[in-house]
Amino acid sequence: MYRWNFASVFENYDVLLVGAVGTLRLFVICTVVALSLGLLVGLGRYSKRRVFYWPASAFVEFFRNTPVLVQILWFFFALPILLPVEISPLAAAALGISLNSAAFAAEIYRGGIQSIEPGQWEAARALGMTPAQAMRRVILPQAVKRMVPALTNRGIEIFKMSTLASAVAYVELLQQGKLLASLNFNPIETYTVIALVFFLFLLPLVQATYALERRMRRAD
């Protein structure tokens, strides 16, 4: 017989709006860094040269096999002790989420590149391309089409992982929701609204990805 009352949540929409802006800022930073760094690490994992392969493999195994929350807390609390630097909540959260996601993205890139048939490499060499030119002009354009669904899922995970930044008091959507719930004693309504906001943010992204996949299939 619980009576739902969203009035106090809607009256303080500006609090959630500030959190939503913080979430979007963190999402954009982490997505750009993770996908860019992931490509470099993925190329290192694919390389046959040990000088590139071993550091890339160590990076992937470390960040893929440790929890994101632990990484965020380490950057926020431990790194300033070891180095004379000030780490803000945004920087700690961005480092933890970006590096962790880059490790997973690297494996997506590596798998996409390895899925391209060897004949494509041979055709590129027959045209006189260097390995770097073949990768940039022939292999990656084909591999990216196959990686779009996996990379999109990675982006969705990054958006949802932004809630972990509340552990270091970064002003994002969940952190602001906790504040409202504690002030108004309405956790059910507050967290329901937050869940709906996440859904409304992510649904257009997912639909846009579906449209992009259909367009790529038609182009093929």
C-alpha atoms as a PDB file:
ATOM      1  CA  MET A   1       0.000   0.000   0.000  1.00  0.00           C
ATOM      2  CA  TYR A   2       2.951   2.305  -0.570  1.00  0.00           C
ATOM      3  CA  ARG A   3       1.929   5.727  -1.905  1.00  0.00           C
ATOM      4  CA  TRP A   4       4.213   6.999  -4.587  1.00  0.00           C
ATOM      5  CA  ASN A   5       5.063  10.685  -4.373  1.00  0.00           C
ATOM      6  CA  PHE A   6       7.365  12.156  -7.001  1.00  0.00           C
ATOM      7  CA  ALA A   7       6.636  15.789  -6.103  1.00  0.00           C
ATOM      8  CA  SER A   8       9.790  16.278  -4.028  1.00  0.00           C
ATOM      9  CA  VAL A   9      11.920  14.784  -6.829  1.00  0.00           C
ATOM     10  CA  PHE A  10      10.466  17.021  -9.529  1.00  0.00           C
ATOM     11  CA  GLU A  11      10.704  20.075  -7.287  1.00  0.00           C
ATOM     12  CA  ASN A  12      14.460  19.498  -7.082  1.00  0.00           C
ATOM     13  CA  TYR A  13      14.989  18.682 -10.743  1.00  0.00           C
ATOM     14  CA  ASP A  14      17.840  21.185 -10.874  1.00  0.00           C
ATOM     15  CA  VAL A  15      19.841  18.980  -8.498  1.00  0.00           C
ATOM     16  CA  LEU A  16      19.446  16.007 -10.828  1.00  0.00           C
ATOM     17  CA  LEU A  17      20.192  18.231 -13.819  1.00  0.00           C
ATOM     18  CA  VAL A  18      23.578  19.116 -12.355  1.00  0.00           C
ATOM     19  CA  GLY A  19      24.244  15.413 -11.843  1.00  0.00           C
ATOM     20  CA  ALA A  20      23.175  14.606 -15.402  1.00  0.00           C
ATOM     21  CA  VAL A  21      25.622  17.175 -16.778  1.00  0.00           C
ATOM     22  CA  GLY A  22      28.390  15.633 -14.672  1.00  0.00           C
ATOM     23  CA  THR A  23      27.498  12.165 -15.938  1.00  0.00           C
ATOM     24  CA  LEU A  24      27.572  13.285 -19.569  1.00  0.00           C
ATOM     25  CA  ARG A  25      30.914  15.043 -19.073  1.00  0.00           C
ATOM     26  CA  LEU A  26      32.456  11.911 -17.580  1.00  0.00           C
ATOM     27  CA  PHE A  27      30.912   9.728 -20.295  1.00  0.00           C
ATOM     28  CA  VAL A  28      32.336  11.820 -23.142  1.00  0.00           C
ATOM     29  CA  ILE A  29      35.823  11.951 -21.599  1.00  0.00           C
ATOM     30  CA  CYS A  30      35.954   8.238 -20.854  1.00  0.00           C
ATOM     31  CA  THR A  31      34.532   7.182 -24.215  1.00  0.00           C
ATOM     32  CA  VAL A  32      36.999   9.249 -26.232  1.00  0.00           C
ATOM     33  CA  VAL A  33      39.990   8.181 -24.143  1.00  0.00           C
ATOM     34  CA  ALA A  34      38.973   4.514 -23.905  1.00  0.00           C
ATOM     35  CA  LEU A  35      38.288   4.011 -27.611  1.00  0.00           C
ATOM     36  CA  SER A  36      41.391   5.931 -28.700  1.00  0.00           C
ATOM     37  CA  LEU A  37      43.736   4.274 -26.230  1.00  0.00           C
ATOM     38  CA  GLY A  38      42.065   0.916 -26.842  1.00  0.00           C
ATOM     39  CA  LEU A  39      42.918   1.138 -30.533  1.00  0.00           C
ATOM     40  CA  LEU A  40      46.600   1.751 -29.765  1.00  0.00           C
ATOM     41  CA  VAL A  41      46.719  -1.071 -27.226  1.00  0.00           C
ATOM     42  CA  GLY A  42      44.802  -3.377 -29.573  1.00  0.00           C
ATOM     43  CA  LEU A  43      47.346  -2.743 -32.329  1.00  0.00           C
ATOM     44  CA  GLY A  44      50.071  -3.516 -29.813  1.00  0.00           C
ATOM     45  CA  ARG A  45      48.364  -6.781 -28.909  1.00  0.00           C
ATOM     46  CA  TYR A  46      48.145  -7.679 -32.594  1.00  0.00           C
ATOM     47  CA  SER A  47      51.773  -6.777 -33.275  1.00  0.00           C
ATOM     48  CA  LYS A  48      54.357  -9.523 -33.615  1.00  0.00           C
ATOM     49  CA  ARG A  49      57.042  -7.290 -32.124  1.00  0.00           C
ATOM     50  CA  ARG A  50      57.655  -8.016 -28.461  1.00  0.00           C
ATOM     51  CA  VAL A  51      58.416  -4.380 -27.667  1.00  0.00           C
ATOM     52  CA  PHE A  52      54.775  -3.581 -28.466  1.00  0.00           C
ATOM     53  CA  TYR A  53      53.091  -6.888 -27.644  1.00  0.00           C
ATOM     54  CA  TRP A  54      54.265  -7.408 -24.061  1.00  0.00           C
ATOM     55  CA  PRO A  55      53.463  -3.915 -22.664  1.00  0.00           C
ATOM     56  CA  ALA A  56      50.066  -4.000 -24.380  1.00  0.00           C
ATOM     57  CA  SER A  57      49.343  -7.459 -22.975  1.00  0.00           C
ATOM     58  CA  ALA A  58      50.379  -6.416 -19.465  1.00  0.00           C
ATOM     59  CA  PHE A  59      48.086  -3.379 -19.683  1.00  0.00           C
ATOM     60  CA  VAL A  60      45.119  -5.452 -20.822  1.00  0.00           C
ATOM     61  CA  GLU A  61      45.560  -8.210 -18.260  1.00  0.00           C
ATOM     62  CA  PHE A  62      46.002  -5.814 -15.347  1.00  0.00           C
ATOM     63  CA  PHE A  63      43.105  -3.469 -16.014  1.00  0.00           C
ATOM     64  CA  ARG A  64      40.765  -6.182 -17.278  1.00  0.00           C
ATOM     65  CA  ASN A  65      41.270  -8.354 -14.203  1.00  0.00           C
ATOM     66  CA  THR A  66      40.932  -5.726 -11.469  1.00  0.00           C
ATOM     67  CA  PRO A  67      37.654  -4.043 -10.439  1.00  0.00           C
ATOM     68  CA  VAL A  68      36.894  -0.590 -11.789  1.00  0.00           C
ATOM     69  CA  LEU A  69      35.874   0.653  -8.346  1.00  0.00           C
ATOM     70  CA  VAL A  70      39.211  -0.395  -6.858  1.00  0.00           C
ATOM     71  CA  GLN A  71      41.033   1.410  -9.664  1.00  0.00           C
ATOM     72  CA  ILE A  72      39.046   4.624  -9.087  1.00  0.00           C
ATOM     73  CA  LEU A  73      39.712   4.515  -5.354  1.00  0.00           C
ATOM     74  CA  TRP A  74      43.406   3.797  -5.932  1.00  0.00           C
ATOM     75  CA  PHE A  75      43.812   6.782  -8.240  1.00  0.00           C
ATOM     76  CA  PHE A  76      41.961   9.025  -5.801  1.00  0.00           C
ATOM     77  CA  PHE A  77      43.539   7.959  -2.500  1.00  0.00           C
ATOM     78  CA  ALA A  78      46.842   6.207  -3.303  1.00  0.00           C
ATOM     79  CA  LEU A  79      48.250   8.059  -6.289  1.00  0.00           C
ATOM     80  CA  PRO A  80      48.516  11.446  -4.478  1.00  0.00           C
ATOM     81  CA  ILE A  81      50.533   9.712  -1.758  1.00  0.00           C
ATOM     82  CA  LEU A  82      52.979   8.188  -4.231  1.00  0.00           C
ATOM     83  CA  LEU A  83      53.277  11.219  -6.517  1.00  0.00           C
ATOM     84  CA  PRO A  84      53.151  14.953  -5.716  1.00  0.00           C
ATOM     85  CA  VAL A  85      49.920  15.500  -7.648  1.00  0.00           C
ATOM     86  CA  GLU A  86      46.396  16.525  -6.775  1.00  0.00           C
ATOM     87  CA  ILE A  87      43.730  14.170  -8.123  1.00  0.00           C
ATOM     88  CA  SER A  88      40.213  15.538  -8.401  1.00  0.00           C
ATOM     89  CA  PRO A  89      37.184  13.211  -8.230  1.00  0.00           C
ATOM     90  CA  LEU A  90      36.641  13.728 -11.972  1.00  0.00           C
ATOM     91  CA  ALA A  91      40.249  12.839 -12.795  1.00  0.00           C
ATOM     92  CA  ALA A  92      40.212   9.729 -10.590  1.00  0.00           C
ATOM     93  CA  ALA A  93      36.934   8.496 -12.041  1.00  0.00           C
ATOM     94  CA  ALA A  94      38.017   9.265 -15.607  1.00  0.00           C
ATOM     95  CA  LEU A  95      41.320   7.432 -15.164  1.00  0.00           C
ATOM     96  CA  GLY A  96      39.750   4.350 -13.628  1.00  0.00           C
ATOM     97  CA  ILE A  97      36.885   4.005 -16.099  1.00  0.00           C
ATOM     98  CA  SER A  98      38.922   4.996 -19.172  1.00  0.00           C
ATOM     99  CA  LEU A  99      41.828   2.635 -18.550  1.00  0.00           C
ATOM    100  CA  ASN A 100      39.571  -0.256 -17.636  1.00  0.00           C
ATOM    101  CA  SER A 101      37.399   0.263 -20.704  1.00  0.00           C
ATOM    102  CA  ALA A 102      40.467   0.708 -22.918  1.00  0.00           C
ATOM    103  CA  ALA A 103      41.628  -2.780 -21.920  1.00  0.00           C
ATOM    104  CA  PHE A 104      38.317  -4.298 -23.039  1.00  0.00           C
ATOM    105  CA  ALA A 105      38.191  -2.140 -26.173  1.00  0.00           C
ATOM    106  CA  ALA A 106      41.709  -3.292 -27.076  1.00  0.00           C
ATOM    107  CA  GLU A 107      40.525  -6.889 -27.208  1.00  0.00           C
ATOM    108  CA  ILE A 108      37.590  -5.849 -29.387  1.00  0.00           C
ATOM    109  CA  TYR A 109      39.962  -4.126 -31.815  1.00  0.00           C
ATOM    110  CA  ARG A 110      42.347  -7.077 -31.821  1.00  0.00           C
ATOM    111  CA  GLY A 111      39.548  -9.551 -32.474  1.00  0.00           C
ATOM    112  CA  GLY A 112      38.127  -7.387 -35.253  1.00  0.00           C
ATOM    113  CA  ILE A 113      41.493  -7.102 -36.984  1.00  0.00           C
ATOM    114  CA  GLN A 114      42.161 -10.832 -36.699  1.00  0.00           C
ATOM    115  CA  SER A 115      38.765 -11.582 -38.252  1.00  0.00           C
ATOM    116  CA  ILE A 116      39.815 -10.063 -41.582  1.00  0.00           C
ATOM    117  CA  GLU A 117      40.829 -12.691 -44.109  1.00  0.00           C
ATOM    118  CA  PRO A 118      44.589 -13.039 -44.850  1.00  0.00           C
ATOM    119  CA  GLY A 119      43.829 -12.453 -48.509  1.00  0.00           C
ATOM    120  CA  GLN A 120      43.124  -8.798 -47.733  1.00  0.00           C
ATOM    121  CA  TRP A 121      46.666  -8.371 -46.440  1.00  0.00           C
ATOM    122  CA  GLU A 122      48.075 -10.129 -49.480  1.00  0.00           C
ATOM    123  CA  ALA A 123      46.049  -7.932 -51.828  1.00  0.00           C
ATOM    124  CA  ALA A 124      47.297  -4.801 -50.077  1.00  0.00           C
ATOM    125  CA  ARG A 125      50.918  -5.958 -50.308  1.00  0.00           C
ATOM    126  CA  ALA A 126      50.397  -6.755 -53.994  1.00  0.00           C
ATOM    127  CA  LEU A 127      49.365  -3.134 -54.510  1.00  0.00           C
ATOM    128  CA  GLY A 128      52.627  -1.991 -52.937  1.00  0.00           C
ATOM    129  CA  MET A 129      51.232  -0.878 -49.574  1.00  0.00           C
ATOM    130  CA  THR A 130      53.320  -0.959 -46.431  1.00  0.00           C
ATOM    131  CA  PRO A 131      51.854  -2.824 -43.404  1.00  0.00           C
ATOM    132  CA  ALA A 132      50.849   0.498 -41.841  1.00  0.00           C
ATOM    133  CA  GLN A 133      49.124   1.638 -45.033  1.00  0.00           C
ATOM    134  CA  ALA A 134      47.357  -1.710 -45.383  1.00  0.00           C
ATOM    135  CA  MET A 135      46.136  -1.482 -41.808  1.00  0.00           C
ATOM    136  CA  ARG A 136      44.845   2.064 -42.235  1.00  0.00           C
ATOM    137  CA  ARG A 137      43.357   1.794 -45.728  1.00  0.00           C
ATOM    138  CA  VAL A 138      42.207  -1.821 -46.018  1.00  0.00           C
ATOM    139  CA  ILE A 139      42.035  -3.729 -42.735  1.00  0.00           C
ATOM    140  CA  LEU A 140      40.665  -1.213 -40.225  1.00  0.00           C
ATOM    141  CA  PRO A 141      37.793   0.056 -42.421  1.00  0.00           C
ATOM    142  CA  GLN A 142      36.532  -3.514 -42.775  1.00  0.00           C
ATOM    143  CA  ALA A 143      37.186  -4.459 -39.160  1.00  0.00           C
ATOM    144  CA  VAL A 144      35.385  -1.420 -37.758  1.00  0.00           C
ATOM    145  CA  LYS A 145      32.137  -2.538 -39.380  1.00  0.00           C
ATOM    146  CA  ARG A 146      32.353  -5.823 -37.503  1.00  0.00           C
ATOM    147  CA  MET A 147      33.314  -4.107 -34.250  1.00  0.00           C
ATOM    148  CA  VAL A 148      30.460  -1.568 -34.137  1.00  0.00           C
ATOM    149  CA  PRO A 149      28.082  -3.703 -31.985  1.00  0.00           C
ATOM    150  CA  ALA A 150      30.811  -4.591 -29.470  1.00  0.00           C
ATOM    151  CA  LEU A 151      32.133  -1.036 -29.274  1.00  0.00           C
ATOM    152  CA  THR A 152      28.606   0.271 -28.791  1.00  0.00           C
ATOM    153  CA  ASN A 153      28.107  -2.103 -25.879  1.00  0.00           C
ATOM    154  CA  ARG A 154      31.373  -0.804 -24.476  1.00  0.00           C
ATOM    155  CA  GLY A 155      30.050   2.745 -24.690  1.00  0.00           C
ATOM    156  CA  ILE A 156      26.854   1.737 -22.891  1.00  0.00           C
ATOM    157  CA  GLU A 157      28.901   0.107 -20.154  1.00  0.00           C
ATOM    158  CA  ILE A 158      30.984   3.267 -19.784  1.00  0.00           C
ATOM    159  CA  PHE A 159      27.820   5.332 -19.341  1.00  0.00           C
ATOM    160  CA  LYS A 160      26.548   2.989 -16.629  1.00  0.00           C
ATOM    161  CA  MET A 161      29.951   2.763 -14.949  1.00  0.00           C
ATOM    162  CA  SER A 162      29.835   6.529 -14.425  1.00  0.00           C
ATOM    163  CA  THR A 163      27.754   5.799 -11.312  1.00  0.00           C
ATOM    164  CA  LEU A 164      30.898   4.389  -9.676  1.00  0.00           C
ATOM    165  CA  ALA A 165      32.292   7.930  -9.560  1.00  0.00           C
ATOM    166  CA  SER A 166      29.950   8.580  -6.630  1.00  0.00           C
ATOM    167  CA  ALA A 167      32.427   6.580  -4.506  1.00  0.00           C
ATOM    168  CA  VAL A 168      34.809   9.551  -4.647  1.00  0.00           C
ATOM    169  CA  ALA A 169      32.030  12.154  -4.317  1.00  0.00           C
ATOM    170  CA  TYR A 170      32.082  13.203  -7.956  1.00  0.00           C
ATOM    171  CA  VAL A 171      28.931  15.147  -8.776  1.00  0.00           C
ATOM    172  CA  GLU A 172      27.087  12.827 -11.140  1.00  0.00           C
ATOM    173  CA  LEU A 173      23.524  11.562 -11.393  1.00  0.00           C
ATOM    174  CA  LEU A 174      23.654   8.844  -8.730  1.00  0.00           C
ATOM    175  CA  GLN A 175      25.555  11.061  -6.296  1.00  0.00           C
ATOM    176  CA  GLN A 176      22.893  13.743  -6.622  1.00  0.00           C
ATOM    177  CA  GLY A 177      20.199  11.120  -6.255  1.00  0.00           C
ATOM    178  CA  LYS A 178      21.711   9.964  -2.988  1.00  0.00           C
ATOM    179  CA  LEU A 179      21.619  13.547  -1.782  1.00  0.00           C
ATOM    180  CA  LEU A 180      17.942  13.962  -2.651  1.00  0.00           C
ATOM    181  CA  ALA A 181      16.978  10.606  -1.163  1.00  0.00           C
ATOM    182  CA  SER A 182      18.691  11.420   2.132  1.00  0.00           C
ATOM    183  CA  LEU A 183      17.117  14.882   2.360  1.00  0.00           C
ATOM    184  CA  ASN A 184      13.559  13.947   1.367  1.00  0.00           C
ATOM    185  CA  PHE A 185      13.471  10.330   2.623  1.00  0.00           C
ATOM    186  CA  ASN A 186      12.141   9.106  -0.734  1.00  0.00           C
ATOM    187  CA  PRO A 187      14.680   6.583  -2.071  1.00  0.00           C
ATOM    188  CA  ILE A 188      12.092   4.638  -4.104  1.00  0.00           C
ATOM    189  CA  GLU A 189      10.955   7.651  -6.110  1.00  0.00           C
ATOM    190  CA  THR A 190      14.434   9.136  -6.458  1.00  0.00           C
ATOM    191  CA  TYR A 191      16.154   6.010  -7.718  1.00  0.00           C
ATOM    192  CA  THR A 192      13.211   5.231  -9.994  1.00  0.00           C
ATOM    193  CA  VAL A 193      13.631   8.625 -11.658  1.00  0.00           C
ATOM    194  CA  ILE A 194      17.389   8.081 -11.968  1.00  0.00           C
ATOM    195  CA  ALA A 195      16.826   4.700 -13.622  1.00  0.00           C
ATOM    196  CA  LEU A 196      14.416   6.296 -16.095  1.00  0.00           C
ATOM    197  CA  VAL A 197      16.886   9.083 -16.867  1.00  0.00           C
ATOM    198  CA  PHE A 198      19.593   6.527 -17.662  1.00  0.00           C
ATOM    199  CA  PHE A 199      17.150   4.643 -19.862  1.00  0.00           C
ATOM    200  CA  LEU A 200      16.163   7.799 -21.754  1.00  0.00           C
ATOM    201  CA  PHE A 201      19.811   8.721 -22.267  1.00  0.00           C
ATOM    202  CA  LEU A 202      20.847   5.302 -23.555  1.00  0.00           C
ATOM    203  CA  LEU A 203      17.832   4.388 -25.694  1.00  0.00           C
ATOM    204  CA  PRO A 204      18.608   6.927 -28.471  1.00  0.00           C
ATOM    205  CA  LEU A 205      22.241   5.776 -28.498  1.00  0.00           C
ATOM    206  CA  VAL A 206      21.210   2.158 -28.939  1.00  0.00           C
ATOM    207  CA  GLN A 207      18.678   3.005 -31.656  1.00  0.00           C
ATOM    208  CA  ALA A 208      21.267   5.106 -33.497  1.00  0.00           C
ATOM    209  CA  THR A 209      23.622   2.140 -33.398  1.00  0.00           C
ATOM    210  CA  TYR A 210      20.983  -0.158 -34.874  1.00  0.00           C
ATOM    211  CA  ALA A 211      20.419   2.372 -37.681  1.00  0.00           C
ATOM    212  CA  LEU A 212      24.175   2.551 -38.325  1.00  0.00           C
ATOM    213  CA  GLU A 213      24.429  -1.249 -38.518  1.00  0.00           C
ATOM    214  CA  ARG A 214      21.541  -1.409 -41.002  1.00  0.00           C
ATOM    215  CA  ARG A 215      23.153   1.303 -43.109  1.00  0.00           C
ATOM    216  CA  MET A 216      26.463  -0.572 -43.151  1.00  0.00           C
ATOM    217  CA  ARG A 217      24.733  -3.791 -44.219  1.00  0.00           C
ATOM    218  CA  ARG A 218      23.016  -1.982 -47.081  1.00  0.00           C
ATOM    219  CA  ALA A 219      26.332  -0.440 -48.127  1.00  0.00           C
ATOM    220  CA  ASP A 220      27.933  -3.886 -48.227  1.00  0.00           C
END
